[in-house]
Amino acid sequence: MRLLIRSIKCGSYLLSAAALLVFLGLFGFLGSGSGRILQHEGLSFWNQADWFFRADTYGAASMLYGSIVVGIIAMCLAAPISLAGAIFTAEYLRGWPRTIVKGTIELLAGIPSVVYGLLGVLYLRPIVFEWTQIFLPESGDTLLTAGILVGIMIIPTVLSLSDDAFRSVSQSERETSRALGLTDNEVFFHAIFPRAFPGVIAAVLLALGRAVGETIAVYLVVGRADNRLPDPWYSLQPLVEAGQTLTSKLGGSEVHMAYGHSLHWSAIVTLGFTLLAIVMFFVILSEVLLIPFKKYRMP
């Protein structure tokens, strides 16, 4: 039995080391591949919007803008709905109804993104086009459509992780609060929610990382139009127009076209490096916030 346990531990360590090596290799590959375009464009690669590969002009600002807008729209939609659902499942559902609802939510989180993307093309895109006709949109393929679709996709993730954060608050703290004469609502808002708040923020950050990194669903409904930046910056018109994100550019055919051109390929690799850095930031920050909740779990 001890030999089996040691073998499992050794296997776990080896697989963890292999995963770390793969990550470091990926990070090194993307970082080294970014050198050529940074020598050519410098830091302006991230703050200029023009992307014309035939003229060797590369700027990622419009794609960064698209990714930020899609992420913000997704979180504005997903966060309130998910938080309300997590409060309901954690504080009011008990027994087998909670098991069924929780399992269904986690099942929805595992649906492939291409399925959401196809549903977005069939149903969401026409609805958004009808709603935004006052702004004279070119079509239903817009940043707004992509943001709403990604928001629907990440609701199960935020809800499930927020539910875990609320349930991680110990039963003794709840009973102590009730013993002081607090009502159920007061117990939640004054005792449970403050303790679970870092976990809720971590859930939002993890989902935001997924929203920024989502590819195929966004690719199908965003319109994939380059060089779109708002003028002025606070204009809402670009939300109902076609746009581009980091992932939609990386998921398109231009990646294959760039492979034979060293400068163009370096620009594509730098987009991948930028996306990896953004997602890694959100994941690391969320893991730091989740540390207290990994030590104490409510049964």
Protein backbone atom coordinates (compact mmCIF):
# COMPACT_ATOMS: atom_id res chain seq x y z
CA MET A 1 0.00 0.00 0.00
CA ARG A 2 2.83 2.39 0.88
CA LEU A 3 4.55 1.54 -2.38
CA LEU A 4 1.36 2.39 -4.28
CA ILE A 5 1.02 5.72 -2.46
CA ARG A 6 4.65 6.58 -3.19
CA SER A 7 4.19 5.65 -6.84
CA ILE A 8 1.15 7.92 -7.11
CA LYS A 9 3.07 10.77 -5.46
CA CYS A 10 6.04 10.31 -7.78
CA GLY A 11 3.73 10.20 -10.78
CA SER A 12 2.01 13.38 -9.63
CA TYR A 13 5.32 15.18 -9.17
CA LEU A 14 6.55 14.04 -12.60
CA LEU A 15 3.37 15.13 -14.35
CA SER A 16 3.41 18.48 -12.52
CA ALA A 17 7.04 18.99 -13.54
CA ALA A 18 6.19 18.09 -17.14
CA ALA A 19 3.31 20.59 -17.16
CA LEU A 20 5.62 23.28 -15.77
CA LEU A 21 8.23 22.53 -18.44
CA VAL A 22 5.60 22.73 -21.18
CA PHE A 23 4.39 26.07 -19.84
CA LEU A 24 7.94 27.46 -19.61
CA GLY A 25 8.67 26.19 -23.11
CA LEU A 26 5.51 27.87 -24.44
CA PHE A 27 6.33 31.10 -22.62
CA GLY A 28 9.89 31.03 -23.96
CA PHE A 29 8.76 30.25 -27.51
CA LEU A 30 6.25 33.09 -27.59
CA GLY A 31 8.63 35.50 -25.86
CA SER A 32 11.53 34.81 -28.21
CA GLY A 33 9.26 34.94 -31.25
CA SER A 34 8.12 38.42 -30.29
CA GLY A 35 11.58 39.95 -30.62
CA ARG A 36 11.45 40.70 -34.35
CA ILE A 37 8.21 42.71 -34.29
CA LEU A 38 9.26 44.61 -31.16
CA GLN A 39 12.45 45.67 -32.93
CA HIS A 40 10.36 46.82 -35.89
CA GLU A 41 7.45 48.52 -34.09
CA GLY A 42 8.64 48.94 -30.52
CA LEU A 43 6.09 49.56 -27.80
CA SER A 44 3.84 51.22 -30.38
CA PHE A 45 2.80 47.70 -31.34
CA TRP A 46 0.38 47.82 -28.39
CA ASN A 47 -0.90 51.40 -28.75
CA GLN A 48 -1.42 51.82 -32.49
CA ALA A 49 -4.48 50.48 -34.27
CA ASP A 50 -3.25 50.07 -37.84
CA TRP A 51 -2.80 46.46 -38.95
CA PHE A 52 -1.89 46.12 -42.63
CA PHE A 53 0.32 43.10 -43.08
CA ARG A 54 0.87 43.78 -46.78
CA ALA A 55 2.46 47.11 -45.82
CA ASP A 56 4.34 45.59 -42.84
CA THR A 57 2.37 47.77 -40.42
CA TYR A 58 1.26 46.04 -37.24
CA GLY A 59 -0.68 47.44 -34.31
CA ALA A 60 -2.65 45.50 -31.70
CA ALA A 61 -4.59 48.38 -30.09
CA SER A 62 -7.88 47.63 -31.86
CA MET A 63 -7.67 43.96 -30.87
CA LEU A 64 -6.85 44.85 -27.26
CA TYR A 65 -9.82 47.22 -27.30
CA GLY A 66 -12.08 44.49 -28.66
CA SER A 67 -10.91 41.99 -26.04
CA ILE A 68 -11.43 44.51 -23.22
CA VAL A 69 -14.90 45.47 -24.45
CA VAL A 70 -16.01 41.85 -24.87
CA GLY A 71 -14.70 41.04 -21.38
CA ILE A 72 -16.44 44.02 -19.77
CA ILE A 73 -19.77 43.30 -21.46
CA ALA A 74 -19.51 39.64 -20.48
CA MET A 75 -18.79 40.44 -16.84
CA CYS A 76 -21.53 43.10 -16.61
CA LEU A 77 -23.98 40.44 -17.76
CA ALA A 78 -22.60 37.41 -15.91
CA ALA A 79 -21.59 38.84 -12.53
CA PRO A 80 -25.02 39.98 -11.21
CA ILE A 81 -26.86 36.91 -12.51
CA SER A 82 -24.20 34.54 -11.20
CA LEU A 83 -24.01 36.21 -7.79
CA ALA A 84 -27.79 36.03 -7.35
CA GLY A 85 -27.79 32.38 -8.41
CA ALA A 86 -24.89 31.54 -6.08
CA ILE A 87 -26.71 33.12 -3.11
CA PHE A 88 -29.77 31.03 -3.91
CA THR A 89 -27.90 27.72 -4.31
CA ALA A 90 -25.62 28.26 -1.31
CA GLU A 91 -28.07 29.69 1.22
CA TYR A 92 -31.53 28.45 0.30
CA LEU A 93 -31.19 25.12 -1.52
CA ARG A 94 -30.63 22.01 0.57
CA GLY A 95 -30.43 18.28 -0.02
CA TRP A 96 -31.09 16.70 -3.40
CA PRO A 97 -32.46 19.86 -5.08
CA ARG A 98 -29.09 21.54 -4.45
CA THR A 99 -27.24 18.50 -5.80
CA ILE A 100 -29.28 18.54 -9.01
CA VAL A 101 -28.97 22.29 -9.54
CA LYS A 102 -25.24 22.32 -8.74
CA GLY A 103 -24.59 19.39 -11.06
CA THR A 104 -26.56 21.04 -13.87
CA ILE A 105 -24.61 24.27 -13.48
CA GLU A 106 -21.28 22.46 -13.65
CA LEU A 107 -22.52 20.52 -16.67
CA LEU A 108 -23.33 23.79 -18.45
CA ALA A 109 -19.79 25.00 -17.71
CA GLY A 110 -18.43 22.00 -19.62
CA ILE A 111 -20.36 22.51 -22.86
CA PRO A 112 -17.91 23.10 -25.75
CA SER A 113 -17.61 26.72 -26.82
CA VAL A 114 -18.35 25.86 -30.46
CA VAL A 115 -21.86 24.84 -29.40
CA TYR A 116 -22.40 28.24 -27.78
CA GLY A 117 -20.95 29.86 -30.88
CA LEU A 118 -23.37 28.08 -33.22
CA LEU A 119 -26.31 28.99 -30.97
CA GLY A 120 -25.07 32.58 -31.03
CA VAL A 121 -24.99 32.58 -34.83
CA LEU A 122 -28.48 31.06 -35.09
CA TYR A 123 -30.33 32.95 -32.35
CA LEU A 124 -28.35 35.70 -30.63
CA ARG A 125 -27.02 37.47 -33.70
CA PRO A 126 -30.49 38.20 -35.21
CA ILE A 127 -31.79 39.37 -31.83
CA VAL A 128 -28.91 41.82 -31.33
CA PHE A 129 -29.34 43.09 -34.89
CA GLU A 130 -33.02 43.85 -34.21
CA TRP A 131 -32.29 45.53 -30.88
CA THR A 132 -29.56 47.78 -32.29
CA GLN A 133 -31.14 48.90 -35.55
CA ILE A 134 -31.41 52.42 -34.16
CA PHE A 135 -27.59 52.60 -34.31
CA LEU A 136 -27.59 51.38 -37.95
CA PRO A 137 -25.37 48.35 -37.37
CA GLU A 138 -23.77 46.68 -40.36
CA SER A 139 -24.98 43.27 -39.17
CA GLY A 140 -25.53 41.24 -36.03
CA ASP A 141 -21.81 40.35 -35.94
CA THR A 142 -20.66 42.91 -33.38
CA LEU A 143 -18.60 43.31 -30.24
CA LEU A 144 -21.88 43.52 -28.31
CA THR A 145 -22.98 40.13 -29.66
CA ALA A 146 -19.65 38.59 -28.71
CA GLY A 147 -19.80 40.10 -25.22
CA ILE A 148 -23.32 38.84 -24.56
CA LEU A 149 -22.46 35.37 -25.85
CA VAL A 150 -19.32 35.09 -23.71
CA GLY A 151 -21.29 36.42 -20.73
CA ILE A 152 -23.79 33.59 -21.12
CA MET A 153 -20.91 31.11 -21.38
CA ILE A 154 -19.19 32.18 -18.17
CA ILE A 155 -22.31 32.40 -15.97
CA PRO A 156 -21.96 28.73 -14.85
CA THR A 157 -18.27 29.26 -13.99
CA VAL A 158 -18.85 32.37 -11.85
CA LEU A 159 -21.94 30.86 -10.23
CA SER A 160 -20.28 27.57 -9.30
CA LEU A 161 -17.12 29.17 -7.88
CA SER A 162 -19.10 31.84 -5.99
CA ASP A 163 -21.29 29.09 -4.53
CA ASP A 164 -18.13 27.33 -3.30
CA ALA A 165 -16.93 30.59 -1.74
CA PHE A 166 -20.19 31.08 0.17
CA ARG A 167 -20.25 27.44 1.31
CA SER A 168 -16.65 27.71 2.53
CA VAL A 169 -17.78 29.93 5.42
CA SER A 170 -18.04 27.59 8.40
CA GLN A 171 -21.35 26.61 9.95
CA SER A 172 -20.11 27.73 13.37
CA GLU A 173 -19.77 31.32 12.16
CA ARG A 174 -23.31 31.23 10.83
CA GLU A 175 -24.67 29.83 14.09
CA THR A 176 -22.73 32.36 16.15
CA SER A 177 -24.19 35.22 14.10
CA ARG A 178 -27.70 33.86 14.53
CA ALA A 179 -27.10 33.50 18.28
CA LEU A 180 -26.39 37.23 18.42
CA GLY A 181 -29.91 37.85 17.15
CA LEU A 182 -29.18 38.55 13.49
CA THR A 183 -31.77 37.64 10.89
CA ASP A 184 -30.89 35.35 7.97
CA ASN A 185 -30.39 38.34 5.67
CA GLU A 186 -28.18 40.09 8.22
CA VAL A 187 -26.16 36.91 8.73
CA PHE A 188 -25.47 36.71 5.03
CA PHE A 189 -24.59 40.36 4.39
CA HIS A 190 -22.66 40.97 7.63
CA ALA A 191 -21.02 37.61 8.31
CA ILE A 192 -20.97 35.40 5.23
CA PHE A 193 -20.54 37.80 2.33
CA PRO A 194 -17.53 39.72 3.77
CA ARG A 195 -15.70 36.42 4.41
CA ALA A 196 -16.57 35.04 0.97
CA PHE A 197 -15.92 38.27 -0.93
CA PRO A 198 -12.30 37.44 -1.93
CA GLY A 199 -13.52 34.11 -3.28
CA VAL A 200 -16.25 35.84 -5.30
CA ILE A 201 -13.70 38.25 -6.76
CA ALA A 202 -11.44 35.29 -7.60
CA ALA A 203 -14.36 33.60 -9.38
CA VAL A 204 -14.96 36.75 -11.41
CA LEU A 205 -11.27 37.00 -12.33
CA LEU A 206 -11.09 33.36 -13.40
CA ALA A 207 -14.17 33.84 -15.56
CA LEU A 208 -12.73 37.07 -16.96
CA GLY A 209 -9.62 35.13 -17.96
CA ARG A 210 -11.83 32.70 -19.84
CA ALA A 211 -13.80 35.54 -21.41
CA VAL A 212 -10.64 37.21 -22.72
CA GLY A 213 -9.24 33.88 -23.93
CA GLU A 214 -12.42 32.58 -25.60
CA THR A 215 -11.79 31.94 -29.30
CA ILE A 216 -14.23 29.99 -31.41
CA ALA A 217 -17.48 31.43 -30.03
CA VAL A 218 -16.16 35.00 -30.37
CA TYR A 219 -14.76 34.23 -33.82
CA LEU A 220 -18.18 33.20 -35.08
CA VAL A 221 -20.06 36.36 -34.02
CA VAL A 222 -17.61 39.27 -33.68
CA GLY A 223 -17.36 40.19 -37.38
CA ARG A 224 -13.54 40.10 -37.52
CA ALA A 225 -12.98 43.67 -38.80
CA ASP A 226 -9.50 45.14 -38.28
CA ASN A 227 -8.52 48.71 -37.42
CA ARG A 228 -11.65 49.60 -35.46
CA LEU A 229 -11.07 52.03 -32.59
CA PRO A 230 -13.67 54.44 -31.17
CA ASP A 231 -13.31 58.12 -31.96
CA PRO A 232 -13.84 59.61 -29.42
CA TRP A 233 -12.74 56.87 -27.06
CA TYR A 234 -16.03 56.93 -25.09
CA SER A 235 -18.20 56.41 -28.19
CA LEU A 236 -20.61 53.48 -27.99
CA GLN A 237 -20.97 53.13 -31.76
CA PRO A 238 -18.15 50.52 -32.08
CA LEU A 239 -20.10 48.21 -29.77
CA VAL A 240 -22.70 47.64 -32.50
CA GLU A 241 -20.15 47.28 -35.28
CA ALA A 242 -17.89 44.45 -36.34
CA GLY A 243 -14.61 44.25 -34.45
CA GLN A 244 -11.63 42.11 -33.70
CA THR A 245 -10.20 40.57 -30.54
CA LEU A 246 -6.87 38.94 -29.84
CA THR A 247 -8.45 35.51 -30.01
CA SER A 248 -10.48 36.11 -33.17
CA LYS A 249 -7.31 37.24 -34.95
CA LEU A 250 -5.37 34.22 -33.71
CA GLY A 251 -8.22 31.90 -34.66
CA GLY A 252 -8.46 33.18 -38.23
CA SER A 253 -6.80 32.23 -41.49
CA GLU A 254 -4.20 34.99 -41.24
CA VAL A 255 -2.13 32.80 -38.95
CA HIS A 256 -1.52 30.42 -41.87
CA MET A 257 -0.73 33.31 -44.20
CA ALA A 258 1.79 34.72 -41.74
CA TYR A 259 3.87 31.58 -41.37
CA GLY A 260 6.04 32.24 -44.43
CA HIS A 261 6.77 35.89 -43.52
CA SER A 262 9.07 36.36 -40.54
CA LEU A 263 7.85 39.84 -39.51
CA HIS A 264 4.19 38.97 -39.95
CA TRP A 265 4.68 35.72 -38.04
CA SER A 266 6.42 37.57 -35.21
CA ALA A 267 3.43 39.94 -34.97
CA ILE A 268 1.04 36.98 -34.69
CA VAL A 269 3.26 35.32 -32.07
CA THR A 270 3.33 38.58 -30.08
CA LEU A 271 -0.47 38.62 -30.06
CA GLY A 272 -0.36 35.12 -28.57
CA PHE A 273 2.23 36.23 -26.01
CA THR A 274 0.05 39.21 -25.06
CA LEU A 275 -2.99 36.99 -24.63
CA LEU A 276 -1.02 34.51 -22.52
CA ALA A 277 0.26 37.30 -20.27
CA ILE A 278 -3.26 38.74 -19.74
CA VAL A 279 -4.85 35.38 -18.93
CA MET A 280 -1.92 34.39 -16.70
CA PHE A 281 -2.31 37.62 -14.73
CA PHE A 282 -6.00 36.94 -14.04
CA VAL A 283 -5.37 33.29 -13.12
CA ILE A 284 -2.50 34.07 -10.72
CA LEU A 285 -4.44 36.88 -9.04
CA SER A 286 -7.50 34.66 -8.61
CA GLU A 287 -5.42 31.81 -7.20
CA VAL A 288 -3.90 34.17 -4.64
CA LEU A 289 -7.36 35.29 -3.56
CA LEU A 290 -8.56 31.66 -3.33
CA ILE A 291 -5.79 30.50 -0.97
CA PRO A 292 -7.86 30.96 2.25
CA PHE A 293 -10.76 28.98 0.77
CA LYS A 294 -8.58 26.00 -0.11
CA LYS A 295 -7.70 25.49 3.55
CA TYR A 296 -11.20 25.54 4.94
CA ARG A 297 -14.15 23.93 3.20
CA MET A 298 -17.61 23.61 4.61
CA PRO A 299 -18.80 19.97 4.34
